[in-house]
PDB file of N, CA and C in Angstrom:
ATOM      1  N   MET A   1       0.840  -1.177   0.000  1.00  0.00           N
ATOM      2  CA  MET A   1       0.000   0.000   0.000  1.00  0.00           C
ATOM      3  C   MET A   1       0.891   1.248   0.000  1.00  0.00           C
ATOM      4  N   ALA A   2       0.572   2.189  -0.853  1.00  0.00           N
ATOM      5  CA  ALA A   2       1.376   3.408  -0.974  1.00  0.00           C
ATOM      6  C   ALA A   2       1.092   4.362   0.185  1.00  0.00           C
ATOM      7  N   LEU A   3       2.094   5.162   0.517  1.00  0.00           N
ATOM      8  CA  LEU A   3       1.913   6.157   1.562  1.00  0.00           C
ATOM      9  C   LEU A   3       1.032   7.289   1.068  1.00  0.00           C
ATOM     10  N   LYS A   4       0.221   7.827   1.978  1.00  0.00           N
ATOM     11  CA  LYS A   4      -0.629   8.958   1.630  1.00  0.00           C
ATOM     12  C   LYS A   4       0.120  10.253   1.921  1.00  0.00           C
ATOM     13  N   THR A   5      -0.096  11.246   1.092  1.00  0.00           N
ATOM     14  CA  THR A   5       0.505  12.557   1.289  1.00  0.00           C
ATOM     15  C   THR A   5      -0.290  13.315   2.341  1.00  0.00           C
ATOM     16  N   LYS A   6       0.418  13.998   3.255  1.00  0.00           N
ATOM     17  CA  LYS A   6      -0.243  14.865   4.226  1.00  0.00           C
ATOM     18  C   LYS A   6      -0.662  16.137   3.503  1.00  0.00           C
ATOM     19  N   LYS A   7      -1.946  16.284   3.256  1.00  0.00           N
ATOM     20  CA  LYS A   7      -2.441  17.377   2.429  1.00  0.00           C
ATOM     21  C   LYS A   7      -2.212  18.731   3.080  1.00  0.00           C
ATOM     22  N   SER A   8      -2.248  18.810   4.405  1.00  0.00           N
ATOM     23  CA  SER A   8      -2.040  20.097   5.071  1.00  0.00           C
ATOM     24  C   SER A   8      -0.639  20.624   4.791  1.00  0.00           C
ATOM     25  N   LEU A   9       0.333  19.742   4.715  1.00  0.00           N
ATOM     26  CA  LEU A   9       1.704  20.151   4.419  1.00  0.00           C
ATOM     27  C   LEU A   9       1.890  20.382   2.918  1.00  0.00           C
ATOM     28  N   ALA A  10       1.244  19.585   2.109  1.00  0.00           N
ATOM     29  CA  ALA A  10       1.387  19.707   0.663  1.00  0.00           C
ATOM     30  C   ALA A  10       0.790  21.014   0.148  1.00  0.00           C
ATOM     31  N   LYS A  11      -0.234  21.533   0.829  1.00  0.00           N
ATOM     32  CA  LYS A  11      -0.839  22.791   0.405  1.00  0.00           C
ATOM     33  C   LYS A  11       0.050  23.976   0.723  1.00  0.00           C
ATOM     34  N   ARG A  12       0.903  23.858   1.712  1.00  0.00           N
ATOM     35  CA  ARG A  12       1.747  24.964   2.144  1.00  0.00           C
ATOM     36  C   ARG A  12       3.116  24.977   1.476  1.00  0.00           C
ATOM     37  N   LEU A  13       3.543  23.838   0.974  1.00  0.00           N
ATOM     38  CA  LEU A  13       4.873  23.724   0.390  1.00  0.00           C
ATOM     39  C   LEU A  13       4.787  23.368  -1.080  1.00  0.00           C
ATOM     40  N   LYS A  14       5.806  23.784  -1.825  1.00  0.00           N
ATOM     41  CA  LYS A  14       5.913  23.427  -3.237  1.00  0.00           C
ATOM     42  C   LYS A  14       7.315  22.906  -3.462  1.00  0.00           C
ATOM     43  N   ALA A  15       7.433  21.795  -4.149  1.00  0.00           N
ATOM     44  CA  ALA A  15       8.737  21.234  -4.474  1.00  0.00           C
ATOM     45  C   ALA A  15       9.166  21.752  -5.841  1.00  0.00           C
ATOM     46  N   THR A  16      10.355  22.332  -5.895  1.00  0.00           N
ATOM     47  CA  THR A  16      10.875  22.819  -7.162  1.00  0.00           C
ATOM     48  C   THR A  16      11.405  21.648  -7.984  1.00  0.00           C
ATOM     49  N   ARG A  17      11.841  21.930  -9.182  1.00  0.00           N
ATOM     50  CA  ARG A  17      12.329  20.854 -10.054  1.00  0.00           C
ATOM     51  C   ARG A  17      13.603  20.215  -9.513  1.00  0.00           C
ATOM     52  N   THR A  18      14.427  21.016  -8.836  1.00  0.00           N
ATOM     53  CA  THR A  18      15.661  20.469  -8.277  1.00  0.00           C
ATOM     54  C   THR A  18      15.434  19.774  -6.942  1.00  0.00           C
ATOM     55  N   GLY A  19      14.211  19.851  -6.390  1.00  0.00           N
ATOM     56  CA  GLY A  19      13.899  19.146  -5.160  1.00  0.00           C
ATOM     57  C   GLY A  19      13.846  20.016  -3.921  1.00  0.00           C
ATOM     58  N   LYS A  20      14.081  21.323  -4.064  1.00  0.00           N
ATOM     59  CA  LYS A  20      13.992  22.210  -2.904  1.00  0.00           C
ATOM     60  C   LYS A  20      12.531  22.436  -2.546  1.00  0.00           C
ATOM     61  N   LEU A  21      12.273  22.663  -1.258  1.00  0.00           N
ATOM     62  CA  LEU A  21      10.923  22.969  -0.798  1.00  0.00           C
ATOM     63  C   LEU A  21      10.815  24.470  -0.576  1.00  0.00           C
ATOM     64  N   VAL A  22       9.751  25.068  -1.098  1.00  0.00           N
ATOM     65  CA  VAL A  22       9.549  26.509  -1.026  1.00  0.00           C
ATOM     66  C   VAL A  22       8.192  26.768  -0.383  1.00  0.00           C
ATOM     67  N   ALA A  23       8.134  27.780   0.508  1.00  0.00           N
ATOM     68  CA  ALA A  23       6.888  28.148   1.171  1.00  0.00           C
ATOM     69  C   ALA A  23       6.735  29.656   1.163  1.00  0.00           C
ATOM     70  N   ARG A  24       5.512  30.114   1.328  1.00  0.00           N
ATOM     71  CA  ARG A  24       5.257  31.543   1.438  1.00  0.00           C
ATOM     72  C   ARG A  24       5.759  32.051   2.781  1.00  0.00           C
ATOM     73  N   LYS A  25       6.106  33.321   2.822  1.00  0.00           N
ATOM     74  CA  LYS A  25       6.489  33.923   4.090  1.00  0.00           C
ATOM     75  C   LYS A  25       5.250  34.107   4.948  1.00  0.00           C
ATOM     76  N   ALA A  26       5.431  34.118   6.254  1.00  0.00           N
ATOM     77  CA  ALA A  26       4.305  34.217   7.175  1.00  0.00           C
ATOM     78  C   ALA A  26       3.764  35.644   7.224  1.00  0.00           C
ATOM     79  N   GLY A  27       2.492  35.778   7.610  1.00  0.00           N
ATOM     80  CA  GLY A  27       1.897  37.079   7.869  1.00  0.00           C
ATOM     81  C   GLY A  27       1.428  37.822   6.644  1.00  0.00           C
ATOM     82  N   GLN A  28       1.029  37.131   5.581  1.00  0.00           N
ATOM     83  CA  GLN A  28       0.596  37.815   4.365  1.00  0.00           C
ATOM     84  C   GLN A  28      -0.914  37.845   4.193  1.00  0.00           C
ATOM     85  N   ASN A  29      -1.657  37.227   5.078  1.00  0.00           N
ATOM     86  CA  ASN A  29      -3.072  37.018   4.786  1.00  0.00           C
ATOM     87  C   ASN A  29      -3.972  38.205   5.110  1.00  0.00           C
ATOM     88  N   HIS A  30      -3.781  38.838   6.246  1.00  0.00           N
ATOM     89  CA  HIS A  30      -4.665  39.961   6.572  1.00  0.00           C
ATOM     90  C   HIS A  30      -3.910  40.980   7.408  1.00  0.00           C
ATOM     91  N   PHE A  31      -4.532  42.137   7.631  1.00  0.00           N
ATOM     92  CA  PHE A  31      -3.947  43.288   8.329  1.00  0.00           C
ATOM     93  C   PHE A  31      -2.735  43.826   7.576  1.00  0.00           C
ATOM     94  N   ASN A  32      -2.781  43.809   6.263  1.00  0.00           N
ATOM     95  CA  ASN A  32      -1.657  44.290   5.480  1.00  0.00           C
ATOM     96  C   ASN A  32      -1.738  45.784   5.174  1.00  0.00           C
ATOM     97  N   SER A  33      -2.918  46.372   5.268  1.00  0.00           N
ATOM     98  CA  SER A  33      -3.052  47.778   4.918  1.00  0.00           C
ATOM     99  C   SER A  33      -2.396  48.686   5.952  1.00  0.00           C
ATOM    100  N   ARG A  34      -2.242  48.210   7.171  1.00  0.00           N
ATOM    101  CA  ARG A  34      -1.626  49.046   8.202  1.00  0.00           C
ATOM    102  C   ARG A  34      -0.092  48.991   8.174  1.00  0.00           C
ATOM    103  N   ASP A  35       0.472  48.101   7.379  1.00  0.00           N
ATOM    104  CA  ASP A  35       1.927  48.003   7.294  1.00  0.00           C
ATOM    105  C   ASP A  35       2.499  49.149   6.477  1.00  0.00           C
ATOM    106  N   ASN A  36       3.712  49.556   6.822  1.00  0.00           N
ATOM    107  CA  ASN A  36       4.391  50.543   5.992  1.00  0.00           C
ATOM    108  C   ASN A  36       4.988  49.834   4.774  1.00  0.00           C
ATOM    109  N   ALA A  37       5.571  50.601   3.879  1.00  0.00           N
ATOM    110  CA  ALA A  37       6.041  50.045   2.612  1.00  0.00           C
ATOM    111  C   ALA A  37       7.141  49.016   2.825  1.00  0.00           C
ATOM    112  N   ARG A  38       8.041  49.276   3.749  1.00  0.00           N
ATOM    113  CA  ARG A  38       9.150  48.348   3.976  1.00  0.00           C
ATOM    114  C   ARG A  38       8.641  47.003   4.489  1.00  0.00           C
ATOM    115  N   ALA A  39       7.678  47.041   5.401  1.00  0.00           N
ATOM    116  CA  ALA A  39       7.147  45.793   5.956  1.00  0.00           C
ATOM    117  C   ALA A  39       6.394  44.995   4.900  1.00  0.00           C
ATOM    118  N   SER A  40       5.617  45.684   4.073  1.00  0.00           N
ATOM    119  CA  SER A  40       4.858  44.950   3.063  1.00  0.00           C
ATOM    120  C   SER A  40       5.768  44.395   1.972  1.00  0.00           C
ATOM    121  N   LEU A  41       6.871  45.079   1.659  1.00  0.00           N
ATOM    122  CA  LEU A  41       7.813  44.549   0.682  1.00  0.00           C
ATOM    123  C   LEU A  41       8.562  43.343   1.224  1.00  0.00           C
ATOM    124  N   LYS A  42       8.829  43.328   2.520  1.00  0.00           N
ATOM    125  CA  LYS A  42       9.525  42.188   3.124  1.00  0.00           C
ATOM    126  C   LYS A  42       8.662  40.929   3.125  1.00  0.00           C
ATOM    127  N   LYS A  43       7.359  41.093   3.096  1.00  0.00           N
ATOM    128  CA  LYS A  43       6.460  39.945   3.111  1.00  0.00           C
ATOM    129  C   LYS A  43       6.381  39.245   1.756  1.00  0.00           C
ATOM    130  N   ARG A  44       6.830  39.898   0.706  1.00  0.00           N
ATOM    131  CA  ARG A  44       6.739  39.313  -0.623  1.00  0.00           C
ATOM    132  C   ARG A  44       7.708  38.145  -0.790  1.00  0.00           C
ATOM    133  N   GLY A  45       7.405  37.322  -1.734  1.00  0.00           N
ATOM    134  CA  GLY A  45       8.326  36.256  -2.082  1.00  0.00           C
ATOM    135  C   GLY A  45       8.131  34.999  -1.258  1.00  0.00           C
ATOM    136  N   THR A  46       9.102  34.132  -1.363  1.00  0.00           N
ATOM    137  CA  THR A  46       9.030  32.834  -0.706  1.00  0.00           C
ATOM    138  C   THR A  46      10.291  32.608   0.106  1.00  0.00           C
ATOM    139  N   ARG A  47      10.294  31.510   0.838  1.00  0.00           N
ATOM    140  CA  ARG A  47      11.473  31.134   1.609  1.00  0.00           C
ATOM    141  C   ARG A  47      11.690  29.640   1.441  1.00  0.00           C
ATOM    142  N   ASN A  48      12.935  29.241   1.581  1.00  0.00           N
ATOM    143  CA  ASN A  48      13.267  27.825   1.479  1.00  0.00           C
ATOM    144  C   ASN A  48      13.007  27.143   2.808  1.00  0.00           C
ATOM    145  N   VAL A  49      12.571  25.901   2.751  1.00  0.00           N
ATOM    146  CA  VAL A  49      12.235  25.131   3.940  1.00  0.00           C
ATOM    147  C   VAL A  49      13.160  23.922   4.013  1.00  0.00           C
ATOM    148  N   GLN A  50      13.731  23.682   5.166  1.00  0.00           N
ATOM    149  CA  GLN A  50      14.597  22.524   5.372  1.00  0.00           C
ATOM    150  C   GLN A  50      13.835  21.466   6.171  1.00  0.00           C
ATOM    151  N   ILE A  51      13.725  20.285   5.628  1.00  0.00           N
ATOM    152  CA  ILE A  51      13.075  19.161   6.302  1.00  0.00           C
ATOM    153  C   ILE A  51      14.008  17.962   6.203  1.00  0.00           C
ATOM    154  N   ALA A  52      14.115  17.220   7.286  1.00  0.00           N
ATOM    155  CA  ALA A  52      14.946  16.022   7.286  1.00  0.00           C
ATOM    156  C   ALA A  52      14.404  15.032   6.251  1.00  0.00           C
ATOM    157  N   PRO A  53      15.282  14.300   5.588  1.00  0.00           N
ATOM    158  CA  PRO A  53      14.831  13.361   4.552  1.00  0.00           C
ATOM    159  C   PRO A  53      13.836  12.326   5.057  1.00  0.00           C
ATOM    160  N   LYS A  54      13.999  11.893   6.292  1.00  0.00           N
ATOM    161  CA  LYS A  54      13.076  10.900   6.842  1.00  0.00           C
ATOM    162  C   LYS A  54      11.683  11.497   7.006  1.00  0.00           C
ATOM    163  N   THR A  55      11.617  12.721   7.501  1.00  0.00           N
ATOM    164  CA  THR A  55      10.332  13.403   7.663  1.00  0.00           C
ATOM    165  C   THR A  55       9.713  13.707   6.305  1.00  0.00           C
ATOM    166  N   ARG A  56      10.550  14.100   5.366  1.00  0.00           N
ATOM    167  CA  ARG A  56      10.060  14.426   4.028  1.00  0.00           C
ATOM    168  C   ARG A  56       9.446  13.214   3.349  1.00  0.00           C
ATOM    169  N   SER A  57      10.095  12.082   3.464  1.00  0.00           N
ATOM    170  CA  SER A  57       9.564  10.881   2.822  1.00  0.00           C
ATOM    171  C   SER A  57       8.292  10.406   3.510  1.00  0.00           C
ATOM    172  N   ARG A  58       8.142  10.755   4.786  1.00  0.00           N
ATOM    173  CA  ARG A  58       6.936  10.345   5.515  1.00  0.00           C
ATOM    174  C   ARG A  58       5.738  11.216   5.161  1.00  0.00           C
ATOM    175  N   PHE A  59       5.936  12.536   5.110  1.00  0.00           N
ATOM    176  CA  PHE A  59       4.810  13.447   4.886  1.00  0.00           C
ATOM    177  C   PHE A  59       4.603  13.802   3.427  1.00  0.00           C
ATOM    178  N   LEU A  60       5.667  13.799   2.637  1.00  0.00           N
ATOM    179  CA  LEU A  60       5.566  14.159   1.226  1.00  0.00           C
ATOM    180  C   LEU A  60       6.174  13.063   0.353  1.00  0.00           C
ATOM    181  N   PRO A  61       5.563  11.902   0.302  1.00  0.00           N
ATOM    182  CA  PRO A  61       6.118  10.847  -0.542  1.00  0.00           C
ATOM    183  C   PRO A  61       6.009  11.230  -2.008  1.00  0.00           C
ATOM    184  N   GLY A  62       6.955  10.800  -2.779  1.00  0.00           N
ATOM    185  CA  GLY A  62       6.960  11.109  -4.195  1.00  0.00           C
ATOM    186  C   GLY A  62       7.774  12.320  -4.570  1.00  0.00           C
ATOM    187  N   THR A  63       8.238  13.102  -3.583  1.00  0.00           N
ATOM    188  CA  THR A  63       9.115  14.230  -3.897  1.00  0.00           C
ATOM    189  C   THR A  63      10.545  13.789  -3.692  1.00  0.00           C
ATOM    190  N   ARG A  64      11.396  14.224  -4.581  1.00  0.00           N
ATOM    191  CA  ARG A  64      12.796  13.817  -4.447  1.00  0.00           C
ATOM    192  C   ARG A  64      13.553  14.852  -3.636  1.00  0.00           C
ATOM    193  N   THR A  65      14.642  14.421  -3.075  1.00  0.00           N
ATOM    194  CA  THR A  65      15.456  15.318  -2.248  1.00  0.00           C
ATOM    195  C   THR A  65      16.276  16.238  -3.130  1.00  0.00           C
ATOM    196  N   ALA A  66      16.684  17.358  -2.559  1.00  0.00           N
ATOM    197  CA  ALA A  66      17.439  18.358  -3.319  1.00  0.00           C
ATOM    198  C   ALA A  66      18.816  17.830  -3.680  1.00  0.00           C
ATOM    199  N   ARG A  67      19.318  18.302  -4.799  1.00  0.00           N
ATOM    200  CA  ARG A  67      20.645  17.891  -5.251  1.00  0.00           C
ATOM    201  C   ARG A  67      21.703  18.647  -4.510  1.00  0.00           C
TER     202      ARG A  67
END
């Protein structure tokens, strides 16, 4: 029987072609209008996520590890 993917983690992370995991930065969902320009610019983009290979294979089967 194949392992099931943890959907809560799969929705938050994206695996790139080289195998890196990328996630959105925290704090982007609401209360953004009160931020100044510097704070709102810092929220843009993504960040790399480090997960141990054992944990990765358990929660995200089918993704390969980074080169």
